[in-house]
Amino acid sequence: MTCPICAKVSDPKYRPFCSRRCADVDLGRWLNGSYAIPSEAPEDLEEAAEELAKETRRPH
């Protein structure tokens, strides 16, 4: 099995990753929202639309 972040051989200690660094990179991606599970639920879509509207109204 190869590491999903860098494609090196995975280390059993950090499986499926090759190192703690790659495991932390993956965790960071989850925490900042880079990864998302799609949903078709109407309430999820409404919430997402509201958040997007808030983001576009904020001054940059």
PDB file of N, CA and C in Angstrom:
ATOM      1  N   MET A   1       0.850  -1.179   0.000  1.00  0.00           N
ATOM      2  CA  MET A   1       0.000   0.000   0.000  1.00  0.00           C
ATOM      3  C   MET A   1       0.892   1.237   0.000  1.00  0.00           C
ATOM      4  N   THR A   2       0.482   2.248  -0.740  1.00  0.00           N
ATOM      5  CA  THR A   2       1.243   3.489  -0.770  1.00  0.00           C
ATOM      6  C   THR A   2       0.507   4.592  -0.021  1.00  0.00           C
ATOM      7  N   CYS A   3       1.271   5.546   0.426  1.00  0.00           N
ATOM      8  CA  CYS A   3       0.742   6.687   1.167  1.00  0.00           C
ATOM      9  C   CYS A   3      -0.161   7.509   0.243  1.00  0.00           C
ATOM     10  N   PRO A   4      -1.374   7.847   0.675  1.00  0.00           N
ATOM     11  CA  PRO A   4      -2.275   8.640  -0.167  1.00  0.00           C
ATOM     12  C   PRO A   4      -1.830  10.099  -0.336  1.00  0.00           C
ATOM     13  N   ILE A   5      -0.880  10.546   0.471  1.00  0.00           N
ATOM     14  CA  ILE A   5      -0.413  11.929   0.368  1.00  0.00           C
ATOM     15  C   ILE A   5       0.773  12.052  -0.580  1.00  0.00           C
ATOM     16  N   CYS A   6       1.797  11.177  -0.390  1.00  0.00           N
ATOM     17  CA  CYS A   6       3.025  11.334  -1.175  1.00  0.00           C
ATOM     18  C   CYS A   6       3.386  10.123  -2.028  1.00  0.00           C
ATOM     19  N   ALA A   7       2.637   9.044  -1.930  1.00  0.00           N
ATOM     20  CA  ALA A   7       2.819   7.826  -2.718  1.00  0.00           C
ATOM     21  C   ALA A   7       4.037   6.986  -2.326  1.00  0.00           C
ATOM     22  N   LYS A   8       4.681   7.277  -1.187  1.00  0.00           N
ATOM     23  CA  LYS A   8       5.744   6.411  -0.694  1.00  0.00           C
ATOM     24  C   LYS A   8       5.107   5.180  -0.063  1.00  0.00           C
ATOM     25  N   VAL A   9       5.928   4.162   0.198  1.00  0.00           N
ATOM     26  CA  VAL A   9       5.429   2.947   0.846  1.00  0.00           C
ATOM     27  C   VAL A   9       4.948   3.302   2.252  1.00  0.00           C
ATOM     28  N   SER A  10       3.774   2.798   2.630  1.00  0.00           N
ATOM     29  CA  SER A  10       3.227   3.138   3.949  1.00  0.00           C
ATOM     30  C   SER A  10       3.986   2.419   5.059  1.00  0.00           C
ATOM     31  N   ASP A  11       3.997   3.059   6.216  1.00  0.00           N
ATOM     32  CA  ASP A  11       4.645   2.524   7.410  1.00  0.00           C
ATOM     33  C   ASP A  11       3.544   1.948   8.296  1.00  0.00           C
ATOM     34  N   PRO A  12       3.698   0.696   8.771  1.00  0.00           N
ATOM     35  CA  PRO A  12       2.646   0.110   9.615  1.00  0.00           C
ATOM     36  C   PRO A  12       2.283   0.981  10.825  1.00  0.00           C
ATOM     37  N   LYS A  13       3.245   1.734  11.330  1.00  0.00           N
ATOM     38  CA  LYS A  13       2.980   2.603  12.492  1.00  0.00           C
ATOM     39  C   LYS A  13       1.994   3.721  12.155  1.00  0.00           C
ATOM     40  N   TYR A  14       2.013   4.188  10.913  1.00  0.00           N
ATOM     41  CA  TYR A  14       1.176   5.328  10.508  1.00  0.00           C
ATOM     42  C   TYR A  14       0.161   4.956   9.425  1.00  0.00           C
ATOM     43  N   ARG A  15      -0.041   3.688   9.209  1.00  0.00           N
ATOM     44  CA  ARG A  15      -0.879   3.204   8.130  1.00  0.00           C
ATOM     45  C   ARG A  15      -2.192   3.956   8.005  1.00  0.00           C
ATOM     46  N   PRO A  16      -2.606   4.399   6.889  1.00  0.00           N
ATOM     47  CA  PRO A  16      -2.116   4.127   5.543  1.00  0.00           C
ATOM     48  C   PRO A  16      -1.022   5.091   5.082  1.00  0.00           C
ATOM     49  N   PHE A  17      -0.534   5.932   5.975  1.00  0.00           N
ATOM     50  CA  PHE A  17       0.461   6.936   5.611  1.00  0.00           C
ATOM     51  C   PHE A  17       1.882   6.404   5.790  1.00  0.00           C
ATOM     52  N   CYS A  18       2.851   7.147   5.255  1.00  0.00           N
ATOM     53  CA  CYS A  18       4.249   6.735   5.373  1.00  0.00           C
ATOM     54  C   CYS A  18       4.913   7.339   6.602  1.00  0.00           C
ATOM     55  N   SER A  19       4.339   8.396   7.136  1.00  0.00           N
ATOM     56  CA  SER A  19       4.972   9.104   8.255  1.00  0.00           C
ATOM     57  C   SER A  19       3.938   9.911   9.028  1.00  0.00           C
ATOM     58  N   ARG A  20       4.361  10.408  10.143  1.00  0.00           N
ATOM     59  CA  ARG A  20       3.484  11.273  10.939  1.00  0.00           C
ATOM     60  C   ARG A  20       3.172  12.555  10.169  1.00  0.00           C
ATOM     61  N   ARG A  21       4.158  13.060   9.434  1.00  0.00           N
ATOM     62  CA  ARG A  21       3.967  14.281   8.656  1.00  0.00           C
ATOM     63  C   ARG A  21       2.804  14.125   7.680  1.00  0.00           C
ATOM     64  N   CYS A  22       2.789  13.022   6.911  1.00  0.00           N
ATOM     65  CA  CYS A  22       1.703  12.824   5.951  1.00  0.00           C
ATOM     66  C   CYS A  22       0.368  12.623   6.655  1.00  0.00           C
ATOM     67  N   ALA A  23       0.375  11.954   7.805  1.00  0.00           N
ATOM     68  CA  ALA A  23      -0.858  11.802   8.579  1.00  0.00           C
ATOM     69  C   ALA A  23      -1.365  13.167   9.030  1.00  0.00           C
ATOM     70  N   ASP A  24      -0.448  14.033   9.453  1.00  0.00           N
ATOM     71  CA  ASP A  24      -0.838  15.385   9.885  1.00  0.00           C
ATOM     72  C   ASP A  24      -1.332  16.231   8.722  1.00  0.00           C
ATOM     73  N   VAL A  25      -0.716  16.073   7.554  1.00  0.00           N
ATOM     74  CA  VAL A  25      -1.184  16.789   6.359  1.00  0.00           C
ATOM     75  C   VAL A  25      -2.627  16.398   6.063  1.00  0.00           C
ATOM     76  N   ASP A  26      -2.912  15.098   6.130  1.00  0.00           N
ATOM     77  CA  ASP A  26      -4.269  14.612   5.878  1.00  0.00           C
ATOM     78  C   ASP A  26      -5.254  15.173   6.908  1.00  0.00           C
ATOM     79  N   LEU A  27      -4.869  15.141   8.179  1.00  0.00           N
ATOM     80  CA  LEU A  27      -5.729  15.688   9.232  1.00  0.00           C
ATOM     81  C   LEU A  27      -5.997  17.171   8.984  1.00  0.00           C
ATOM     82  N   GLY A  28      -4.963  17.902   8.620  1.00  0.00           N
ATOM     83  CA  GLY A  28      -5.128  19.329   8.326  1.00  0.00           C
ATOM     84  C   GLY A  28      -6.112  19.575   7.198  1.00  0.00           C
ATOM     85  N   ARG A  29      -6.068  18.723   6.193  1.00  0.00           N
ATOM     86  CA  ARG A  29      -7.012  18.863   5.075  1.00  0.00           C
ATOM     87  C   ARG A  29      -8.447  18.642   5.533  1.00  0.00           C
ATOM     88  N   TRP A  30      -8.649  17.679   6.428  1.00  0.00           N
ATOM     89  CA  TRP A  30      -9.991  17.460   6.967  1.00  0.00           C
ATOM     90  C   TRP A  30     -10.439  18.655   7.798  1.00  0.00           C
ATOM     91  N   LEU A  31      -9.541  19.156   8.638  1.00  0.00           N
ATOM     92  CA  LEU A  31      -9.912  20.238   9.544  1.00  0.00           C
ATOM     93  C   LEU A  31     -10.190  21.555   8.833  1.00  0.00           C
ATOM     94  N   ASN A  32      -9.488  21.818   7.719  1.00  0.00           N
ATOM     95  CA  ASN A  32      -9.741  23.092   7.036  1.00  0.00           C
ATOM     96  C   ASN A  32     -10.825  22.981   5.972  1.00  0.00           C
ATOM     97  N   GLY A  33     -11.427  21.796   5.842  1.00  0.00           N
ATOM     98  CA  GLY A  33     -12.544  21.646   4.912  1.00  0.00           C
ATOM     99  C   GLY A  33     -12.169  21.281   3.496  1.00  0.00           C
ATOM    100  N   SER A  34     -10.905  20.930   3.259  1.00  0.00           N
ATOM    101  CA  SER A  34     -10.512  20.531   1.906  1.00  0.00           C
ATOM    102  C   SER A  34     -11.211  19.257   1.467  1.00  0.00           C
ATOM    103  N   TYR A  35     -11.468  18.387   2.426  1.00  0.00           N
ATOM    104  CA  TYR A  35     -12.211  17.163   2.142  1.00  0.00           C
ATOM    105  C   TYR A  35     -13.645  17.393   2.596  1.00  0.00           C
ATOM    106  N   ALA A  36     -14.575  16.898   1.824  1.00  0.00           N
ATOM    107  CA  ALA A  36     -15.981  17.028   2.201  1.00  0.00           C
ATOM    108  C   ALA A  36     -16.749  15.820   1.695  1.00  0.00           C
ATOM    109  N   ILE A  37     -17.754  15.444   2.418  1.00  0.00           N
ATOM    110  CA  ILE A  37     -18.618  14.347   2.018  1.00  0.00           C
ATOM    111  C   ILE A  37     -19.857  14.971   1.406  1.00  0.00           C
ATOM    112  N   PRO A  38     -20.108  14.709   0.126  1.00  0.00           N
ATOM    113  CA  PRO A  38     -21.269  15.323  -0.524  1.00  0.00           C
ATOM    114  C   PRO A  38     -22.583  14.839   0.085  1.00  0.00           C
ATOM    115  N   SER A  39     -23.546  15.726   0.079  1.00  0.00           N
ATOM    116  CA  SER A  39     -24.862  15.396   0.615  1.00  0.00           C
ATOM    117  C   SER A  39     -25.937  15.943  -0.305  1.00  0.00           C
ATOM    118  N   GLU A  40     -27.005  15.217  -0.397  1.00  0.00           N
ATOM    119  CA  GLU A  40     -28.150  15.659  -1.190  1.00  0.00           C
ATOM    120  C   GLU A  40     -29.309  16.100  -0.293  1.00  0.00           C
ATOM    121  N   ALA A  41     -29.102  16.078   1.020  1.00  0.00           N
ATOM    122  CA  ALA A  41     -30.159  16.454   1.951  1.00  0.00           C
ATOM    123  C   ALA A  41     -30.486  17.937   1.794  1.00  0.00           C
ATOM    124  N   PRO A  42     -31.765  18.295   1.658  1.00  0.00           N
ATOM    125  CA  PRO A  42     -32.148  19.699   1.456  1.00  0.00           C
ATOM    126  C   PRO A  42     -31.640  20.634   2.547  1.00  0.00           C
ATOM    127  N   GLU A  43     -31.661  20.209   3.813  1.00  0.00           N
ATOM    128  CA  GLU A  43     -31.204  21.095   4.877  1.00  0.00           C
ATOM    129  C   GLU A  43     -29.700  21.371   4.762  1.00  0.00           C
ATOM    130  N   ASP A  44     -28.920  20.380   4.283  1.00  0.00           N
ATOM    131  CA  ASP A  44     -27.495  20.604   4.085  1.00  0.00           C
ATOM    132  C   ASP A  44     -27.257  21.609   2.965  1.00  0.00           C
ATOM    133  N   LEU A  45     -28.042  21.509   1.910  1.00  0.00           N
ATOM    134  CA  LEU A  45     -27.903  22.433   0.792  1.00  0.00           C
ATOM    135  C   LEU A  45     -28.261  23.851   1.204  1.00  0.00           C
ATOM    136  N   GLU A  46     -29.322  23.987   1.995  1.00  0.00           N
ATOM    137  CA  GLU A  46     -29.728  25.312   2.465  1.00  0.00           C
ATOM    138  C   GLU A  46     -28.647  25.917   3.365  1.00  0.00           C
ATOM    139  N   GLU A  47     -28.093  25.105   4.262  1.00  0.00           N
ATOM    140  CA  GLU A  47     -27.041  25.583   5.159  1.00  0.00           C
ATOM    141  C   GLU A  47     -25.806  26.013   4.363  1.00  0.00           C
ATOM    142  N   ALA A  48     -25.442  25.227   3.371  1.00  0.00           N
ATOM    143  CA  ALA A  48     -24.286  25.563   2.541  1.00  0.00           C
ATOM    144  C   ALA A  48     -24.529  26.873   1.789  1.00  0.00           C
ATOM    145  N   ALA A  49     -25.731  27.060   1.274  1.00  0.00           N
ATOM    146  CA  ALA A  49     -26.054  28.294   0.544  1.00  0.00           C
ATOM    147  C   ALA A  49     -25.992  29.508   1.473  1.00  0.00           C
ATOM    148  N   GLU A  50     -26.475  29.342   2.709  1.00  0.00           N
ATOM    149  CA  GLU A  50     -26.428  30.440   3.675  1.00  0.00           C
ATOM    150  C   GLU A  50     -24.978  30.803   4.016  1.00  0.00           C
ATOM    151  N   GLU A  51     -24.133  29.798   4.223  1.00  0.00           N
ATOM    152  CA  GLU A  51     -22.720  30.047   4.537  1.00  0.00           C
ATOM    153  C   GLU A  51     -22.020  30.730   3.375  1.00  0.00           C
ATOM    154  N   LEU A  52     -22.316  30.300   2.159  1.00  0.00           N
ATOM    155  CA  LEU A  52     -21.721  30.923   0.979  1.00  0.00           C
ATOM    156  C   LEU A  52     -22.154  32.381   0.872  1.00  0.00           C
ATOM    157  N   ALA A  53     -23.413  32.664   1.161  1.00  0.00           N
ATOM    158  CA  ALA A  53     -23.904  34.038   1.114  1.00  0.00           C
ATOM    159  C   ALA A  53     -23.205  34.900   2.157  1.00  0.00           C
ATOM    160  N   LYS A  54     -22.960  34.340   3.350  1.00  0.00           N
ATOM    161  CA  LYS A  54     -22.243  35.080   4.392  1.00  0.00           C
ATOM    162  C   LYS A  54     -20.823  35.405   3.950  1.00  0.00           C
ATOM    163  N   GLU A  55     -20.169  34.431   3.328  1.00  0.00           N
ATOM    164  CA  GLU A  55     -18.782  34.621   2.876  1.00  0.00           C
ATOM    165  C   GLU A  55     -18.697  35.728   1.816  1.00  0.00           C
ATOM    166  N   THR A  56     -19.661  35.786   0.930  1.00  0.00           N
ATOM    167  CA  THR A  56     -19.613  36.784  -0.141  1.00  0.00           C
ATOM    168  C   THR A  56     -19.940  38.182   0.375  1.00  0.00           C
ATOM    169  N   ARG A  57     -20.625  38.272   1.515  1.00  0.00           N
ATOM    170  CA  ARG A  57     -20.955  39.589   2.074  1.00  0.00           C
ATOM    171  C   ARG A  57     -19.835  40.176   2.919  1.00  0.00           C
ATOM    172  N   ARG A  58     -18.917  39.309   3.395  1.00  0.00           N
ATOM    173  CA  ARG A  58     -17.822  39.787   4.253  1.00  0.00           C
ATOM    174  C   ARG A  58     -16.817  40.591   3.444  1.00  0.00           C
ATOM    175  N   PRO A  59     -16.372  41.718   3.987  1.00  0.00           N
ATOM    176  CA  PRO A  59     -15.344  42.502   3.269  1.00  0.00           C
ATOM    177  C   PRO A  59     -14.007  41.759   3.323  1.00  0.00           C
ATOM    178  N   HIS A  60     -13.256  41.851   2.255  1.00  0.00           N
ATOM    179  CA  HIS A  60     -11.967  41.146   2.195  1.00  0.00           C
ATOM    180  C   HIS A  60     -10.850  42.051   2.574  1.00  0.00           C
TER     181      HIS A  60
END
